Amino acid sequence: MEQRITTEKVHVIACGAIAREILAVKTLNGLDHLTLECLPAIWHVHPQKIAPALREKIAEARAAGHENIFIGYAECGTQGEVDKICSEEGITRLSGPHCYAFFTGTEKFLAECDSEFTAFYLTDLITRQFEAFVIEPLKLDRHPELRDMVFGNYTKIVYLAQTEDAELQAKAKWAADYLKLDYEYRFTGYGDLNPELVAAARGSSRATVSSAISSPN
């Protein structure tokens, strides 16, 4: 008799803002049975679009035969809609309120957030696309006078870095200068994203027992 581990596919429906990080965790841990589908990263600033699209993508995934689905979103400003969907569908999501929390480590972030309410957070993705995620949606390029109106109560930019990239660090510092804020760099790596994806992927593994028939020598 021998025991075999059968690994079922896990389909992750995620925010495009963390696509690189999910793929990195997949490669790092050899999660070849994990498949990824992303919604637009720019919906980071349009959270009302997330829940309806998740419902649609979950239905499509079910129709395609995916039994194991994991939501690669935290709460992300959806006013509880992601949790409602997860409850109705019997699936789980990334823990915490948003990506800043799970990259930092949700417990650590929540413990410190009361003392950092004047911090504006960046991740690798938001730093890389600072113009598309911050400057253009807020029209700061056309109306620079809005900068002080929008960011007047902030005191610093905190760059929560997933990778140690000198170019991104330089751009994050530029963003802080652009917004006239102090700058702080923190390397987080993938934070809680790594163990939570691994747990979701390994939860799809099941042991089966089969008879091993040996050929005579």
C-alpha atoms as a PDB file:
ATOM      1  CA  MET A   1       0.000   0.000   0.000  1.00  0.00           C
ATOM      2  CA  GLU A   2       1.239   3.499  -0.701  1.00  0.00           C
ATOM      3  CA  GLN A   3      -0.057   6.963   0.041  1.00  0.00           C
ATOM      4  CA  ARG A   4      -0.263   9.538  -2.702  1.00  0.00           C
ATOM      5  CA  ILE A   5      -0.983  13.254  -2.361  1.00  0.00           C
ATOM      6  CA  THR A   6      -3.489  14.517  -4.880  1.00  0.00           C
ATOM      7  CA  THR A   7      -3.381  18.293  -5.346  1.00  0.00           C
ATOM      8  CA  GLU A   8      -6.484  19.942  -6.732  1.00  0.00           C
ATOM      9  CA  LYS A   9      -6.269  23.217  -8.579  1.00  0.00           C
ATOM     10  CA  VAL A  10      -6.875  26.401  -6.631  1.00  0.00           C
ATOM     11  CA  HIS A  11      -8.219  29.331  -8.627  1.00  0.00           C
ATOM     12  CA  VAL A  12      -7.304  32.729  -7.177  1.00  0.00           C
ATOM     13  CA  ILE A  13      -9.387  35.730  -8.206  1.00  0.00           C
ATOM     14  CA  ALA A  14      -7.363  38.753  -7.165  1.00  0.00           C
ATOM     15  CA  CYS A  15      -6.703  42.438  -7.403  1.00  0.00           C
ATOM     16  CA  GLY A  16      -4.326  43.190 -10.250  1.00  0.00           C
ATOM     17  CA  ALA A  17      -2.396  45.414  -7.859  1.00  0.00           C
ATOM     18  CA  ILE A  18      -0.917  42.306  -6.210  1.00  0.00           C
ATOM     19  CA  ALA A  19      -0.573  40.094  -9.294  1.00  0.00           C
ATOM     20  CA  ARG A  20       3.239  40.239  -9.289  1.00  0.00           C
ATOM     21  CA  GLU A  21       3.389  39.354  -5.630  1.00  0.00           C
ATOM     22  CA  ILE A  22       0.979  36.411  -5.988  1.00  0.00           C
ATOM     23  CA  LEU A  23       2.997  35.017  -8.883  1.00  0.00           C
ATOM     24  CA  ALA A  24       6.203  35.479  -6.877  1.00  0.00           C
ATOM     25  CA  VAL A  25       4.723  33.567  -3.924  1.00  0.00           C
ATOM     26  CA  LYS A  26       3.513  30.875  -6.325  1.00  0.00           C
ATOM     27  CA  THR A  27       7.013  30.432  -7.740  1.00  0.00           C
ATOM     28  CA  LEU A  28       8.728  30.675  -4.357  1.00  0.00           C
ATOM     29  CA  ASN A  29       6.611  27.873  -2.911  1.00  0.00           C
ATOM     30  CA  GLY A  30       6.201  25.708  -6.006  1.00  0.00           C
ATOM     31  CA  LEU A  31       2.427  26.150  -6.087  1.00  0.00           C
ATOM     32  CA  ASP A  32       2.065  24.947  -9.656  1.00  0.00           C
ATOM     33  CA  HIS A  33      -1.578  23.984  -9.124  1.00  0.00           C
ATOM     34  CA  LEU A  34      -2.534  27.590  -8.347  1.00  0.00           C
ATOM     35  CA  THR A  35      -4.129  29.571 -11.176  1.00  0.00           C
ATOM     36  CA  LEU A  36      -4.564  33.320 -11.143  1.00  0.00           C
ATOM     37  CA  GLU A  37      -7.166  35.660 -12.606  1.00  0.00           C
ATOM     38  CA  CYS A  38      -7.049  39.379 -11.869  1.00  0.00           C
ATOM     39  CA  LEU A  39      -9.451  42.279 -11.895  1.00  0.00           C
ATOM     40  CA  PRO A  40      -8.063  45.695 -12.942  1.00  0.00           C
ATOM     41  CA  ALA A  41      -5.525  47.137 -10.540  1.00  0.00           C
ATOM     42  CA  ILE A  42      -6.946  50.649 -10.974  1.00  0.00           C
ATOM     43  CA  TRP A  43     -10.100  49.514  -9.154  1.00  0.00           C
ATOM     44  CA  HIS A  44      -7.948  50.086  -6.085  1.00  0.00           C
ATOM     45  CA  VAL A  45      -9.335  53.615  -6.367  1.00  0.00           C
ATOM     46  CA  HIS A  46     -12.837  52.509  -7.479  1.00  0.00           C
ATOM     47  CA  PRO A  47     -13.795  49.903  -4.830  1.00  0.00           C
ATOM     48  CA  GLN A  48     -17.479  50.018  -5.759  1.00  0.00           C
ATOM     49  CA  LYS A  49     -16.613  48.040  -8.894  1.00  0.00           C
ATOM     50  CA  ILE A  50     -14.974  45.160  -7.066  1.00  0.00           C
ATOM     51  CA  ALA A  51     -17.893  43.187  -5.588  1.00  0.00           C
ATOM     52  CA  PRO A  52     -20.073  42.990  -8.740  1.00  0.00           C
ATOM     53  CA  ALA A  53     -17.076  41.843 -10.767  1.00  0.00           C
ATOM     54  CA  LEU A  54     -16.119  39.259  -8.152  1.00  0.00           C
ATOM     55  CA  ARG A  55     -19.596  37.748  -8.304  1.00  0.00           C
ATOM     56  CA  GLU A  56     -19.323  37.481 -12.057  1.00  0.00           C
ATOM     57  CA  LYS A  57     -15.840  35.945 -11.982  1.00  0.00           C
ATOM     58  CA  ILE A  58     -16.803  33.436  -9.285  1.00  0.00           C
ATOM     59  CA  ALA A  59     -19.793  32.321 -11.364  1.00  0.00           C
ATOM     60  CA  GLU A  60     -17.551  31.933 -14.414  1.00  0.00           C
ATOM     61  CA  ALA A  61     -14.996  29.975 -12.407  1.00  0.00           C
ATOM     62  CA  ARG A  62     -17.665  27.636 -11.053  1.00  0.00           C
ATOM     63  CA  ALA A  63     -19.013  27.092 -14.577  1.00  0.00           C
ATOM     64  CA  ALA A  64     -15.484  26.256 -15.738  1.00  0.00           C
ATOM     65  CA  GLY A  65     -15.223  23.553 -13.086  1.00  0.00           C
ATOM     66  CA  HIS A  66     -13.175  25.312 -10.402  1.00  0.00           C
ATOM     67  CA  GLU A  67     -14.244  23.962  -7.030  1.00  0.00           C
ATOM     68  CA  ASN A  68     -11.489  25.577  -4.949  1.00  0.00           C
ATOM     69  CA  ILE A  69     -11.550  29.356  -5.198  1.00  0.00           C
ATOM     70  CA  PHE A  70      -9.650  31.870  -3.110  1.00  0.00           C
ATOM     71  CA  ILE A  71     -10.246  35.634  -3.159  1.00  0.00           C
ATOM     72  CA  GLY A  72      -7.078  37.685  -3.468  1.00  0.00           C
ATOM     73  CA  TYR A  73      -8.639  40.790  -1.960  1.00  0.00           C
ATOM     74  CA  ALA A  74      -8.804  42.051   1.585  1.00  0.00           C
ATOM     75  CA  GLU A  75     -11.853  44.173   2.532  1.00  0.00           C
ATOM     76  CA  CYS A  76     -10.445  46.908   0.287  1.00  0.00           C
ATOM     77  CA  GLY A  77     -13.073  49.564   0.892  1.00  0.00           C
ATOM     78  CA  THR A  78     -16.031  47.481  -0.335  1.00  0.00           C
ATOM     79  CA  GLN A  79     -18.148  48.189   2.758  1.00  0.00           C
ATOM     80  CA  GLY A  80     -18.394  44.518   3.663  1.00  0.00           C
ATOM     81  CA  GLU A  81     -19.401  43.318   0.206  1.00  0.00           C
ATOM     82  CA  VAL A  82     -16.385  41.027  -0.239  1.00  0.00           C
ATOM     83  CA  ASP A  83     -17.140  39.325   3.085  1.00  0.00           C
ATOM     84  CA  LYS A  84     -20.786  38.941   2.086  1.00  0.00           C
ATOM     85  CA  ILE A  85     -19.782  37.234  -1.151  1.00  0.00           C
ATOM     86  CA  CYS A  86     -17.313  34.949   0.624  1.00  0.00           C
ATOM     87  CA  SER A  87     -19.981  33.943   3.141  1.00  0.00           C
ATOM     88  CA  GLU A  88     -22.546  33.208   0.438  1.00  0.00           C
ATOM     89  CA  GLU A  89     -20.086  31.262  -1.702  1.00  0.00           C
ATOM     90  CA  GLY A  90     -18.313  29.418   1.108  1.00  0.00           C
ATOM     91  CA  ILE A  91     -14.888  30.683   0.115  1.00  0.00           C
ATOM     92  CA  THR A  92     -12.162  32.641   1.901  1.00  0.00           C
ATOM     93  CA  ARG A  93     -10.228  35.825   1.205  1.00  0.00           C
ATOM     94  CA  LEU A  94      -7.028  37.495   2.279  1.00  0.00           C
ATOM     95  CA  SER A  95      -7.346  38.664   5.861  1.00  0.00           C
ATOM     96  CA  GLY A  96      -7.305  42.275   6.941  1.00  0.00           C
ATOM     97  CA  PRO A  97      -8.768  45.550   5.733  1.00  0.00           C
ATOM     98  CA  HIS A  98      -6.414  46.196   2.778  1.00  0.00           C
ATOM     99  CA  CYS A  99      -3.079  45.367   1.171  1.00  0.00           C
ATOM    100  CA  TYR A 100      -1.132  47.767   3.405  1.00  0.00           C
ATOM    101  CA  ALA A 101      -2.216  45.629   6.362  1.00  0.00           C
ATOM    102  CA  PHE A 102      -1.474  42.173   5.008  1.00  0.00           C
ATOM    103  CA  PHE A 103       1.866  43.246   3.527  1.00  0.00           C
ATOM    104  CA  THR A 104       2.885  44.695   6.896  1.00  0.00           C
ATOM    105  CA  GLY A 105       1.304  41.816   8.809  1.00  0.00           C
ATOM    106  CA  THR A 106      -2.296  42.493   9.766  1.00  0.00           C
ATOM    107  CA  GLU A 107      -1.830  42.230  13.542  1.00  0.00           C
ATOM    108  CA  LYS A 108       1.181  44.536  13.478  1.00  0.00           C
ATOM    109  CA  PHE A 109      -0.517  47.036  11.181  1.00  0.00           C
ATOM    110  CA  LEU A 110      -3.706  47.231  13.245  1.00  0.00           C
ATOM    111  CA  ALA A 111      -1.693  47.594  16.450  1.00  0.00           C
ATOM    112  CA  GLU A 112       0.196  50.563  15.028  1.00  0.00           C
ATOM    113  CA  CYS A 113      -2.433  52.285  12.876  1.00  0.00           C
ATOM    114  CA  ASP A 114      -3.738  54.542  15.665  1.00  0.00           C
ATOM    115  CA  SER A 115      -0.352  56.245  15.785  1.00  0.00           C
ATOM    116  CA  GLU A 116      -0.047  56.498  12.000  1.00  0.00           C
ATOM    117  CA  PHE A 117      -3.289  58.101  10.923  1.00  0.00           C
ATOM    118  CA  THR A 118      -1.335  60.847   9.126  1.00  0.00           C
ATOM    119  CA  ALA A 119       0.642  58.385   6.964  1.00  0.00           C
ATOM    120  CA  PHE A 120      -0.030  57.874   3.252  1.00  0.00           C
ATOM    121  CA  TYR A 121       1.049  54.383   2.232  1.00  0.00           C
ATOM    122  CA  LEU A 122       2.648  53.160  -0.960  1.00  0.00           C
ATOM    123  CA  THR A 123       3.324  49.609  -2.133  1.00  0.00           C
ATOM    124  CA  ASP A 124       5.548  48.516  -5.014  1.00  0.00           C
ATOM    125  CA  LEU A 125       2.654  48.713  -7.452  1.00  0.00           C
ATOM    126  CA  ILE A 126       1.412  52.130  -6.327  1.00  0.00           C
ATOM    127  CA  THR A 127       4.963  53.477  -6.352  1.00  0.00           C
ATOM    128  CA  ARG A 128       5.558  52.074  -9.821  1.00  0.00           C
ATOM    129  CA  GLN A 129       2.345  53.654 -11.116  1.00  0.00           C
ATOM    130  CA  PHE A 130       2.130  56.686  -8.846  1.00  0.00           C
ATOM    131  CA  GLU A 131       1.011  58.918 -11.689  1.00  0.00           C
ATOM    132  CA  ALA A 132      -1.861  56.598 -12.709  1.00  0.00           C
ATOM    133  CA  PHE A 133      -2.961  55.791  -9.155  1.00  0.00           C
ATOM    134  CA  VAL A 134      -2.557  59.157  -7.434  1.00  0.00           C
ATOM    135  CA  ILE A 135      -1.697  62.113  -9.631  1.00  0.00           C
ATOM    136  CA  GLU A 136      -4.119  61.528 -12.519  1.00  0.00           C
ATOM    137  CA  PRO A 137      -7.234  60.389 -10.578  1.00  0.00           C
ATOM    138  CA  LEU A 138      -6.881  63.377  -8.240  1.00  0.00           C
ATOM    139  CA  LYS A 139      -6.096  65.691 -11.178  1.00  0.00           C
ATOM    140  CA  LEU A 140      -3.002  66.985  -9.416  1.00  0.00           C
ATOM    141  CA  ASP A 141      -1.220  67.342 -12.743  1.00  0.00           C
ATOM    142  CA  ARG A 142      -3.842  69.809 -13.956  1.00  0.00           C
ATOM    143  CA  HIS A 143      -4.727  71.414 -10.631  1.00  0.00           C
ATOM    144  CA  PRO A 144      -1.629  71.417  -8.396  1.00  0.00           C
ATOM    145  CA  GLU A 145      -3.448  73.612  -5.915  1.00  0.00           C
ATOM    146  CA  LEU A 146      -5.456  70.498  -4.959  1.00  0.00           C
ATOM    147  CA  ARG A 147      -2.338  68.890  -3.524  1.00  0.00           C
ATOM    148  CA  ASP A 148      -2.471  70.810  -0.256  1.00  0.00           C
ATOM    149  CA  MET A 149      -6.251  70.388  -0.057  1.00  0.00           C
ATOM    150  CA  VAL A 150      -6.084  66.613  -0.415  1.00  0.00           C
ATOM    151  CA  PHE A 151      -2.844  65.890   1.445  1.00  0.00           C
ATOM    152  CA  GLY A 152      -2.746  68.766   3.890  1.00  0.00           C
ATOM    153  CA  ASN A 153      -3.479  66.516   6.879  1.00  0.00           C
ATOM    154  CA  TYR A 154      -0.853  63.925   5.986  1.00  0.00           C
ATOM    155  CA  THR A 155       2.646  64.206   7.415  1.00  0.00           C
ATOM    156  CA  LYS A 156       4.565  61.443   5.642  1.00  0.00           C
ATOM    157  CA  ILE A 157       4.646  58.848   2.902  1.00  0.00           C
ATOM    158  CA  VAL A 158       5.459  55.348   4.105  1.00  0.00           C
ATOM    159  CA  TYR A 159       6.728  53.077   1.362  1.00  0.00           C
ATOM    160  CA  LEU A 160       5.874  49.474   2.253  1.00  0.00           C
ATOM    161  CA  ALA A 161       8.257  47.693  -0.095  1.00  0.00           C
ATOM    162  CA  GLN A 162       7.712  44.130  -1.270  1.00  0.00           C
ATOM    163  CA  THR A 163      11.056  44.049  -3.089  1.00  0.00           C
ATOM    164  CA  GLU A 164      14.393  45.739  -2.475  1.00  0.00           C
ATOM    165  CA  ASP A 165      14.510  47.866  -5.607  1.00  0.00           C
ATOM    166  CA  ALA A 166      16.644  51.008  -5.667  1.00  0.00           C
ATOM    167  CA  GLU A 167      14.689  52.550  -8.552  1.00  0.00           C
ATOM    168  CA  LEU A 168      11.377  52.115  -6.742  1.00  0.00           C
ATOM    169  CA  GLN A 169      12.870  53.565  -3.569  1.00  0.00           C
ATOM    170  CA  ALA A 170      13.990  56.605  -5.538  1.00  0.00           C
ATOM    171  CA  LYS A 171      10.537  57.003  -7.063  1.00  0.00           C
ATOM    172  CA  ALA A 172       8.838  56.680  -3.675  1.00  0.00           C
ATOM    173  CA  LYS A 173      11.125  59.441  -2.372  1.00  0.00           C
ATOM    174  CA  TRP A 174      10.194  61.525  -5.420  1.00  0.00           C
ATOM    175  CA  ALA A 175       6.502  60.951  -4.649  1.00  0.00           C
ATOM    176  CA  ALA A 176       7.025  62.170  -1.091  1.00  0.00           C
ATOM    177  CA  ASP A 177       8.785  65.276  -2.383  1.00  0.00           C
ATOM    178  CA  TYR A 178       6.010  65.831  -4.919  1.00  0.00           C
ATOM    179  CA  LEU A 179       3.400  65.769  -2.158  1.00  0.00           C
ATOM    180  CA  LYS A 180       5.672  67.772   0.193  1.00  0.00           C
ATOM    181  CA  LEU A 181       5.633  65.010   2.794  1.00  0.00           C
ATOM    182  CA  ASP A 182       8.304  63.316   4.874  1.00  0.00           C
ATOM    183  CA  TYR A 183       9.492  59.949   3.625  1.00  0.00           C
ATOM    184  CA  GLU A 184       9.863  56.599   5.380  1.00  0.00           C
ATOM    185  CA  TYR A 185      10.946  53.294   3.863  1.00  0.00           C
ATOM    186  CA  ARG A 186       9.901  49.921   5.300  1.00  0.00           C
ATOM    187  CA  PHE A 187      10.716  46.602   3.720  1.00  0.00           C
ATOM    188  CA  THR A 188       7.794  44.230   4.334  1.00  0.00           C
ATOM    189  CA  GLY A 189       8.369  41.502   1.757  1.00  0.00           C
ATOM    190  CA  TYR A 190       5.136  39.648   1.032  1.00  0.00           C
ATOM    191  CA  GLY A 191       3.907  39.741   4.621  1.00  0.00           C
ATOM    192  CA  ASP A 192       0.807  37.655   5.337  1.00  0.00           C
ATOM    193  CA  LEU A 193       0.227  37.110   1.618  1.00  0.00           C
ATOM    194  CA  ASN A 194       2.789  34.300   1.589  1.00  0.00           C
ATOM    195  CA  PRO A 195       1.421  32.089   4.399  1.00  0.00           C
ATOM    196  CA  GLU A 196      -2.205  32.711   3.457  1.00  0.00           C
ATOM    197  CA  LEU A 197      -1.711  31.712  -0.171  1.00  0.00           C
ATOM    198  CA  VAL A 198       0.306  28.684   0.875  1.00  0.00           C
ATOM    199  CA  ALA A 199      -2.428  27.668   3.333  1.00  0.00           C
ATOM    200  CA  ALA A 200      -5.118  28.077   0.664  1.00  0.00           C
ATOM    201  CA  ALA A 201      -3.109  26.068  -1.851  1.00  0.00           C
ATOM    202  CA  ARG A 202      -2.124  23.308   0.548  1.00  0.00           C
ATOM    203  CA  GLY A 203      -5.660  23.049   1.810  1.00  0.00           C
ATOM    204  CA  SER A 204      -6.515  21.607  -1.578  1.00  0.00           C
ATOM    205  CA  SER A 205      -4.164  18.650  -1.102  1.00  0.00           C
ATOM    206  CA  ARG A 206      -5.671  15.367   0.013  1.00  0.00           C
ATOM    207  CA  ALA A 207      -4.155  12.002   0.723  1.00  0.00           C
ATOM    208  CA  THR A 208      -5.377   8.898  -1.087  1.00  0.00           C
ATOM    209  CA  VAL A 209      -4.383   5.302  -0.433  1.00  0.00           C
ATOM    210  CA  SER A 210      -3.863   2.915  -3.295  1.00  0.00           C
ATOM    211  CA  SER A 211      -2.540  -0.604  -3.755  1.00  0.00           C
ATOM    212  CA  ALA A 212       0.980  -0.880  -5.109  1.00  0.00           C
ATOM    213  CA  ILE A 213       1.392  -4.011  -7.282  1.00  0.00           C
ATOM    214  CA  SER A 214       4.996  -5.025  -7.816  1.00  0.00           C
ATOM    215  CA  SER A 215       6.161  -6.894 -10.864  1.00  0.00           C
ATOM    216  CA  PRO A 216       8.068 -10.067 -10.090  1.00  0.00           C
ATOM    217  CA  ASN A 217      11.815  -9.846 -10.431  1.00  0.00           C
END
